[in-house]
Amino acid sequence: MFSDAGTAPLNARNGVVPLRIRRVLRPIVATGYRVATVAIQLLIVSIVVFGILRILPADPLAMMLPPNATNEDAERMREAFGLNRSIPEQYAIWLGHTLQGDLGSSIQSRLPVGQLILTALPMTLELVFCGLVLGVFAGFCFGLITFTWRGTAVEKAAEVVASLAQSIPEFLWGILLILTFGLALHWLPFIGPIDAKMLVPSRTGFLLIDTLLAGRWDAFFSRLTHLTLPSIAIMMIKAPLIMRLLRSSLVETYTEDYIDSARLRGVGEMRILFRHALRNAALPTVTLIGVQAAHTFGGTLLIEAIYSLPGLGNLMIGAIRTHDLPLIQGITLTYCAVVLLLNMLVDLTYLWLNPRLRAT
């Protein structure tokens, strides 16, 4: 028989990686693998989007040329935007510039696409963040309530409310909230990101942060009130999913032996719930929250349009109306990049929270 002290050098000489080293290397290898996967997926998405936009029958330059423009004027403009080249050549040029951080210039505004996206992106991120915070808070609260009161009328009532909330799409919730709290009751504003009379210097691009940096508490609360209705519209779809998954995870967790062992040791039910059961039951819920964050970021277009928020969604609508190909490409790539990065962070977070995955 060999002792543990003798097997470690033997394993090292035979090329077997010790368990301690594997636990350290696994997150690093997993991160590198996911980063490479995201890069490949972005490359594929860029090829597909670029190709589809170039074979569409719409001509973006036709909307810019005056009625009396000649064929020579059209050709000069096509050459200026590189639209007279073949599609593979256009893509190769665009990809080379993109890898250097240059997404091109908007055909309509002539401004850099990257500048337009960076101006609109904070508005969308603030909306997604506030909507998710409300959704996660409401989902966890109702999930704990329905689990604690399982088998009672409280659980049935919560399930009915969740089914009703989930059956109505986000944009319809947005309209209903405007009609109720905006037009009928006049409780909350619903147009624009902030009161039009308030001017706040832009430092970070995030209005909530900029108002605090400027010491403008009136503007900060104005921004919060303008975000309330669209955030609630997002919350109404996200909270039921989180509530149901958390409740089912808790029910499954309570069948484990360590729950019975804790009861036998005299541990109180509330301590069992929050200290033992919730920690393990929250793992699949964390994954769902990450997936919902990615889904929410890609689905704010209609909400931004309804509430006149100058985010990526409204920017995309304007680009589609004017057939602004460089801007559409840049926004689409931004959406895909953020969604893929969020999914990658979810996978890495789950790996970090679940010690069993790190140990294998």
Protein backbone atom coordinates (compact mmCIF):
# COMPACT_ATOMS: atom_id res chain seq x y z
CA MET A 1 0.00 0.00 0.00
CA PHE A 2 1.10 3.54 -0.70
CA SER A 3 0.48 6.56 1.44
CA ASP A 4 -1.00 9.79 0.10
CA ALA A 5 2.38 11.45 0.47
CA GLY A 6 3.90 8.88 -1.85
CA THR A 7 1.23 8.89 -4.53
CA ALA A 8 1.45 12.63 -5.33
CA PRO A 9 5.01 12.49 -6.76
CA LEU A 10 4.16 9.24 -8.52
CA ASN A 11 1.17 10.88 -10.19
CA ALA A 12 3.27 13.87 -11.15
CA ARG A 13 5.95 11.62 -12.71
CA ASN A 14 3.28 9.73 -14.66
CA GLY A 15 1.82 12.93 -16.04
CA VAL A 16 -1.37 12.89 -13.97
CA VAL A 17 -2.45 16.39 -12.91
CA PRO A 18 -3.13 16.58 -9.14
CA LEU A 19 -6.65 17.39 -8.04
CA ARG A 20 -5.62 20.71 -6.44
CA ILE A 21 -4.09 21.95 -9.71
CA ARG A 22 -7.11 20.80 -11.71
CA ARG A 23 -9.40 22.82 -9.45
CA VAL A 24 -7.33 25.93 -10.17
CA LEU A 25 -6.99 25.33 -13.91
CA ARG A 26 -10.60 24.39 -14.61
CA PRO A 27 -12.07 27.93 -14.26
CA ILE A 28 -9.21 29.37 -16.33
CA VAL A 29 -9.67 26.81 -19.11
CA ALA A 30 -13.46 27.26 -18.99
CA THR A 31 -13.10 31.04 -19.29
CA GLY A 32 -10.74 30.76 -22.24
CA TYR A 33 -13.01 28.26 -23.97
CA ARG A 34 -16.07 30.46 -23.56
CA VAL A 35 -14.25 33.59 -24.74
CA ALA A 36 -13.13 31.74 -27.88
CA THR A 37 -16.67 30.46 -28.42
CA VAL A 38 -18.10 33.98 -28.14
CA ALA A 39 -15.56 35.28 -30.67
CA ILE A 40 -16.46 32.55 -33.18
CA GLN A 41 -20.18 33.14 -32.70
CA LEU A 42 -19.76 36.88 -33.24
CA LEU A 43 -17.82 36.22 -36.44
CA ILE A 44 -20.60 33.95 -37.75
CA VAL A 45 -23.27 36.47 -36.80
CA SER A 46 -21.40 39.28 -38.53
CA ILE A 47 -21.14 37.24 -41.74
CA VAL A 48 -24.84 36.37 -41.72
CA VAL A 49 -26.02 39.90 -40.93
CA PHE A 50 -23.67 41.52 -43.44
CA GLY A 51 -24.68 39.14 -46.20
CA ILE A 52 -28.43 39.48 -45.59
CA LEU A 53 -28.31 43.27 -45.52
CA ARG A 54 -26.36 43.38 -48.78
CA ILE A 55 -28.74 41.14 -50.74
CA LEU A 56 -31.87 43.03 -49.71
CA PRO A 57 -33.52 44.96 -52.57
CA ALA A 58 -33.55 48.22 -50.59
CA ASP A 59 -31.12 50.92 -51.71
CA PRO A 60 -30.00 53.10 -48.78
CA LEU A 61 -28.41 55.72 -51.02
CA ALA A 62 -31.64 56.34 -52.94
CA MET A 63 -33.08 58.03 -49.84
CA MET A 64 -30.12 60.41 -49.63
CA LEU A 65 -29.88 61.51 -53.26
CA PRO A 66 -31.87 64.57 -54.35
CA PRO A 67 -34.56 64.10 -57.03
CA ASN A 68 -32.36 65.71 -59.70
CA ALA A 69 -29.29 63.58 -58.95
CA THR A 70 -27.50 62.06 -61.91
CA ASN A 71 -26.09 58.58 -62.33
CA GLU A 72 -22.62 60.05 -61.82
CA ASP A 73 -23.70 61.46 -58.45
CA ALA A 74 -25.03 58.05 -57.42
CA GLU A 75 -21.84 56.29 -58.47
CA ARG A 76 -19.66 58.77 -56.59
CA MET A 77 -21.70 58.20 -53.44
CA ARG A 78 -21.57 54.44 -53.86
CA GLU A 79 -17.81 54.61 -54.21
CA ALA A 80 -17.55 56.83 -51.13
CA PHE A 81 -19.41 54.25 -49.01
CA GLY A 82 -17.75 51.25 -50.71
CA LEU A 83 -21.04 49.90 -52.06
CA ASN A 84 -19.64 49.49 -55.58
CA ARG A 85 -17.42 46.58 -54.48
CA SER A 86 -18.34 42.92 -54.26
CA ILE A 87 -19.97 41.67 -51.05
CA PRO A 88 -16.87 39.66 -49.92
CA GLU A 89 -14.68 42.72 -50.48
CA GLN A 90 -17.10 44.94 -48.56
CA TYR A 91 -17.15 42.46 -45.68
CA ALA A 92 -13.37 42.12 -45.56
CA ILE A 93 -12.97 45.90 -45.42
CA TRP A 94 -15.70 46.27 -42.80
CA LEU A 95 -14.30 43.46 -40.64
CA GLY A 96 -10.81 44.93 -40.75
CA HIS A 97 -12.11 48.31 -39.62
CA THR A 98 -14.33 46.70 -36.97
CA LEU A 99 -11.41 44.82 -35.43
CA GLN A 100 -9.74 48.22 -35.05
CA GLY A 101 -12.81 49.64 -33.28
CA ASP A 102 -14.23 51.44 -36.33
CA LEU A 103 -17.80 50.40 -37.18
CA GLY A 104 -18.04 52.88 -40.04
CA SER A 105 -20.21 55.97 -40.42
CA SER A 106 -23.97 56.28 -40.52
CA ILE A 107 -25.25 56.89 -44.04
CA GLN A 108 -27.94 59.29 -42.82
CA SER A 109 -26.25 61.30 -40.06
CA ARG A 110 -22.65 60.84 -41.31
CA LEU A 111 -21.65 60.34 -37.64
CA PRO A 112 -19.51 57.38 -36.49
CA VAL A 113 -21.62 54.32 -35.76
CA GLY A 114 -19.64 53.60 -32.61
CA GLN A 115 -20.39 57.07 -31.26
CA LEU A 116 -24.12 56.68 -31.90
CA ILE A 117 -24.17 53.28 -30.19
CA LEU A 118 -22.19 54.45 -27.15
CA THR A 119 -24.61 57.36 -26.78
CA ALA A 120 -27.70 55.12 -26.86
CA LEU A 121 -26.35 52.05 -25.03
CA PRO A 122 -26.45 53.47 -21.45
CA MET A 123 -30.17 54.20 -21.79
CA THR A 124 -30.88 50.58 -22.71
CA LEU A 125 -28.61 49.20 -19.98
CA GLU A 126 -30.31 51.34 -17.32
CA LEU A 127 -33.72 50.10 -18.44
CA VAL A 128 -32.61 46.46 -18.45
CA PHE A 129 -30.95 46.81 -15.04
CA CYS A 130 -33.96 48.45 -13.36
CA GLY A 131 -36.42 46.00 -14.95
CA LEU A 132 -34.36 43.01 -13.84
CA VAL A 133 -33.85 44.33 -10.31
CA LEU A 134 -37.61 44.70 -9.92
CA GLY A 135 -38.23 41.32 -11.56
CA VAL A 136 -35.70 39.49 -9.38
CA PHE A 137 -36.94 41.15 -6.19
CA ALA A 138 -40.60 40.41 -6.95
CA GLY A 139 -39.80 36.89 -8.17
CA PHE A 140 -37.83 35.99 -5.03
CA CYS A 141 -40.46 37.49 -2.72
CA PHE A 142 -43.38 35.70 -4.36
CA GLY A 143 -41.33 32.51 -4.72
CA LEU A 144 -40.66 32.44 -0.97
CA ILE A 145 -44.29 33.33 -0.20
CA THR A 146 -45.74 30.60 -2.42
CA PHE A 147 -43.29 28.05 -1.02
CA THR A 148 -43.95 29.02 2.60
CA TRP A 149 -47.71 28.96 2.03
CA ARG A 150 -47.71 26.00 -0.36
CA GLY A 151 -50.93 24.06 -0.54
CA THR A 152 -53.01 27.05 0.60
CA ALA A 153 -55.17 29.66 -1.09
CA VAL A 154 -52.22 32.08 -1.04
CA GLU A 155 -50.26 29.84 -3.40
CA LYS A 156 -53.23 29.45 -5.74
CA ALA A 157 -53.86 33.20 -5.84
CA ALA A 158 -50.19 33.91 -6.55
CA GLU A 159 -50.20 31.35 -9.34
CA VAL A 160 -53.26 32.97 -10.93
CA VAL A 161 -51.65 36.41 -10.78
CA ALA A 162 -48.39 35.04 -12.22
CA SER A 163 -50.21 33.33 -15.09
CA LEU A 164 -52.09 36.54 -15.87
CA ALA A 165 -48.93 38.64 -15.78
CA GLN A 166 -47.05 36.25 -18.03
CA SER A 167 -49.86 35.91 -20.58
CA ILE A 168 -49.65 39.61 -21.53
CA PRO A 169 -46.61 40.65 -23.61
CA GLU A 170 -44.24 43.36 -22.41
CA PHE A 171 -45.27 45.99 -24.94
CA LEU A 172 -48.95 45.52 -24.04
CA TRP A 173 -48.09 45.88 -20.34
CA GLY A 174 -46.31 49.08 -21.27
CA ILE A 175 -49.40 50.44 -22.98
CA LEU A 176 -51.71 49.38 -20.13
CA LEU A 177 -49.45 51.03 -17.55
CA ILE A 178 -49.44 54.27 -19.55
CA LEU A 179 -53.22 54.27 -19.84
CA THR A 180 -53.67 53.54 -16.12
CA PHE A 181 -50.92 55.37 -14.24
CA GLY A 182 -49.99 57.94 -16.86
CA LEU A 183 -53.18 59.14 -18.52
CA ALA A 184 -55.96 58.11 -16.10
CA LEU A 185 -54.35 58.69 -12.70
CA HIS A 186 -51.52 61.10 -13.69
CA TRP A 187 -49.25 59.45 -11.13
CA LEU A 188 -46.13 58.83 -13.23
CA PRO A 189 -44.56 60.32 -16.37
CA PHE A 190 -44.25 58.13 -19.45
CA ILE A 191 -42.57 60.21 -22.16
CA GLY A 192 -38.80 60.55 -22.48
CA PRO A 193 -35.93 59.66 -20.14
CA ILE A 194 -36.23 62.72 -17.85
CA ASP A 195 -38.16 65.97 -17.40
CA ALA A 196 -37.51 68.08 -20.50
CA LYS A 197 -36.81 71.16 -18.35
CA MET A 198 -33.89 69.47 -16.57
CA LEU A 199 -30.40 69.65 -18.08
CA VAL A 200 -27.78 67.32 -16.63
CA PRO A 201 -24.14 67.32 -17.84
CA SER A 202 -23.20 63.95 -19.35
CA ARG A 203 -20.16 62.36 -17.71
CA THR A 204 -20.78 58.63 -17.88
CA GLY A 205 -23.77 58.50 -20.24
CA PHE A 206 -25.88 56.86 -17.51
CA LEU A 207 -28.46 59.41 -16.42
CA LEU A 208 -28.92 57.91 -12.95
CA ILE A 209 -25.19 58.20 -12.28
CA ASP A 210 -24.79 61.59 -13.95
CA THR A 211 -27.58 63.12 -11.87
CA LEU A 212 -25.88 61.93 -8.69
CA LEU A 213 -22.48 63.18 -9.82
CA ALA A 214 -24.02 66.56 -10.55
CA GLY A 215 -25.75 66.64 -7.14
CA ARG A 216 -29.12 67.02 -8.86
CA TRP A 217 -31.47 65.06 -6.62
CA ASP A 218 -34.49 66.51 -8.38
CA ALA A 219 -33.19 65.18 -11.70
CA PHE A 220 -32.33 61.82 -10.07
CA PHE A 221 -35.89 61.30 -8.82
CA SER A 222 -37.24 62.53 -12.16
CA ARG A 223 -35.16 59.86 -13.89
CA LEU A 224 -36.41 57.20 -11.47
CA THR A 225 -40.05 58.15 -12.05
CA HIS A 226 -39.54 58.04 -15.82
CA LEU A 227 -38.00 54.56 -15.49
CA THR A 228 -40.73 53.20 -13.23
CA LEU A 229 -43.41 52.29 -15.77
CA PRO A 230 -41.13 50.68 -18.40
CA SER A 231 -39.30 48.79 -15.63
CA ILE A 232 -42.60 47.48 -14.26
CA ALA A 233 -43.58 46.37 -17.77
CA ILE A 234 -40.39 44.29 -17.93
CA MET A 235 -40.87 43.03 -14.36
CA MET A 236 -44.34 41.67 -15.11
CA ILE A 237 -42.85 39.11 -17.51
CA LYS A 238 -39.68 38.21 -15.60
CA ALA A 239 -41.00 37.85 -12.04
CA PRO A 240 -43.38 34.89 -12.68
CA LEU A 241 -40.60 32.80 -14.23
CA ILE A 242 -38.26 33.43 -11.29
CA MET A 243 -41.07 32.79 -8.78
CA ARG A 244 -41.98 29.40 -10.26
CA LEU A 245 -38.41 28.16 -10.64
CA LEU A 246 -37.44 29.22 -7.12
CA ARG A 247 -40.51 27.57 -5.62
CA SER A 248 -39.96 24.29 -7.49
CA SER A 249 -36.24 24.34 -6.59
CA LEU A 250 -37.08 24.83 -2.91
CA VAL A 251 -39.60 21.98 -3.00
CA GLU A 252 -36.95 19.70 -4.48
CA THR A 253 -34.29 20.89 -2.04
CA TYR A 254 -36.51 20.12 0.96
CA THR A 255 -36.46 16.43 -0.01
CA GLU A 256 -32.71 16.24 0.66
CA ASP A 257 -31.37 14.44 3.72
CA TYR A 258 -29.49 17.44 5.10
CA ILE A 259 -32.80 19.27 5.61
CA ASP A 260 -34.06 16.45 7.83
CA SER A 261 -30.71 16.38 9.63
CA ALA A 262 -30.98 20.10 10.35
CA ARG A 263 -34.46 19.60 11.81
CA LEU A 264 -33.20 16.79 14.03
CA ARG A 265 -30.51 19.11 15.36
CA GLY A 266 -33.23 21.55 16.38
CA VAL A 267 -32.54 24.18 13.71
CA GLY A 268 -35.51 26.52 13.20
CA GLU A 269 -37.51 26.47 9.96
CA MET A 270 -36.60 30.02 8.99
CA ARG A 271 -32.90 29.28 9.50
CA ILE A 272 -33.21 26.10 7.44
CA LEU A 273 -34.91 28.03 4.65
CA PHE A 274 -32.55 30.97 4.39
CA ARG A 275 -29.25 29.41 5.49
CA HIS A 276 -29.44 25.91 4.02
CA ALA A 277 -32.20 25.45 1.44
CA LEU A 278 -32.18 28.82 -0.32
CA ARG A 279 -28.43 28.69 -0.99
CA ASN A 280 -28.77 25.49 -3.04
CA ALA A 281 -32.16 26.27 -4.55
CA ALA A 282 -30.88 29.61 -5.86
CA LEU A 283 -28.35 28.00 -8.24
CA PRO A 284 -30.79 27.27 -11.11
CA THR A 285 -32.50 30.59 -10.39
CA VAL A 286 -29.22 32.45 -10.93
CA THR A 287 -28.91 30.78 -14.32
CA LEU A 288 -32.44 31.82 -15.21
CA ILE A 289 -31.74 35.42 -14.16
CA GLY A 290 -28.75 35.54 -16.47
CA VAL A 291 -30.73 34.13 -19.37
CA GLN A 292 -33.53 36.61 -18.70
CA ALA A 293 -31.00 39.47 -18.63
CA ALA A 294 -29.81 38.51 -22.11
CA HIS A 295 -33.40 38.11 -23.33
CA THR A 296 -34.42 41.45 -21.84
CA PHE A 297 -31.52 43.31 -23.44
CA GLY A 298 -32.51 41.99 -26.84
CA GLY A 299 -36.21 42.71 -26.34
CA THR A 300 -36.37 46.33 -25.18
CA LEU A 301 -37.01 47.70 -28.69
CA LEU A 302 -40.78 48.05 -28.36
CA ILE A 303 -40.60 49.29 -24.76
CA GLU A 304 -38.18 52.04 -25.76
CA ALA A 305 -40.40 53.01 -28.68
CA ILE A 306 -43.54 53.16 -26.50
CA TYR A 307 -41.88 55.32 -23.82
CA SER A 308 -39.77 57.42 -26.23
CA LEU A 309 -36.49 56.35 -24.65
CA PRO A 310 -33.44 57.14 -26.83
CA GLY A 311 -31.81 53.75 -26.44
CA LEU A 312 -30.54 51.13 -28.87
CA GLY A 313 -34.09 50.04 -29.69
CA ASN A 314 -35.16 53.45 -30.92
CA LEU A 315 -31.85 53.83 -32.73
CA MET A 316 -32.46 50.54 -34.51
CA ILE A 317 -35.97 51.56 -35.53
CA GLY A 318 -34.64 54.76 -37.07
CA ALA A 319 -31.87 52.87 -38.87
CA ILE A 320 -34.34 50.37 -40.33
CA ARG A 321 -36.63 53.14 -41.57
CA THR A 322 -33.78 54.85 -43.43
CA HIS A 323 -32.05 51.62 -44.54
CA ASP A 324 -28.89 52.77 -42.78
CA LEU A 325 -26.84 49.60 -43.33
CA PRO A 326 -23.70 50.50 -41.32
CA LEU A 327 -25.81 51.51 -38.33
CA ILE A 328 -27.98 48.38 -38.52
CA GLN A 329 -24.84 46.23 -38.67
CA GLY A 330 -23.28 47.97 -35.69
CA ILE A 331 -26.40 47.78 -33.52
CA THR A 332 -27.02 44.12 -34.40
CA LEU A 333 -23.43 43.23 -33.58
CA THR A 334 -23.71 45.12 -30.28
CA TYR A 335 -26.90 43.26 -29.35
CA CYS A 336 -25.30 39.91 -30.16
CA ALA A 337 -22.07 40.75 -28.32
CA VAL A 338 -23.88 41.80 -25.13
CA VAL A 339 -26.19 38.77 -25.19
CA LEU A 340 -23.30 36.35 -25.75
CA LEU A 341 -21.22 37.98 -23.03
CA LEU A 342 -24.12 37.77 -20.59
CA ASN A 343 -24.57 34.08 -21.36
CA MET A 344 -20.84 33.53 -20.85
CA LEU A 345 -20.96 35.31 -17.47
CA VAL A 346 -23.91 33.13 -16.45
CA ASP A 347 -21.96 29.96 -17.24
CA LEU A 348 -18.90 31.17 -15.34
CA THR A 349 -21.01 32.33 -12.38
CA TYR A 350 -22.69 28.93 -12.18
CA LEU A 351 -19.28 27.26 -12.30
CA TRP A 352 -18.10 29.50 -9.45
CA LEU A 353 -21.21 28.95 -7.32
CA ASN A 354 -21.32 25.18 -7.79
CA PRO A 355 -18.28 23.59 -6.12
CA ARG A 356 -19.13 20.16 -7.57
CA LEU A 357 -18.36 21.43 -11.08
CA ARG A 358 -15.01 22.84 -9.98
CA ALA A 359 -14.06 19.59 -8.28
CA THR A 360 -14.48 17.39 -11.38
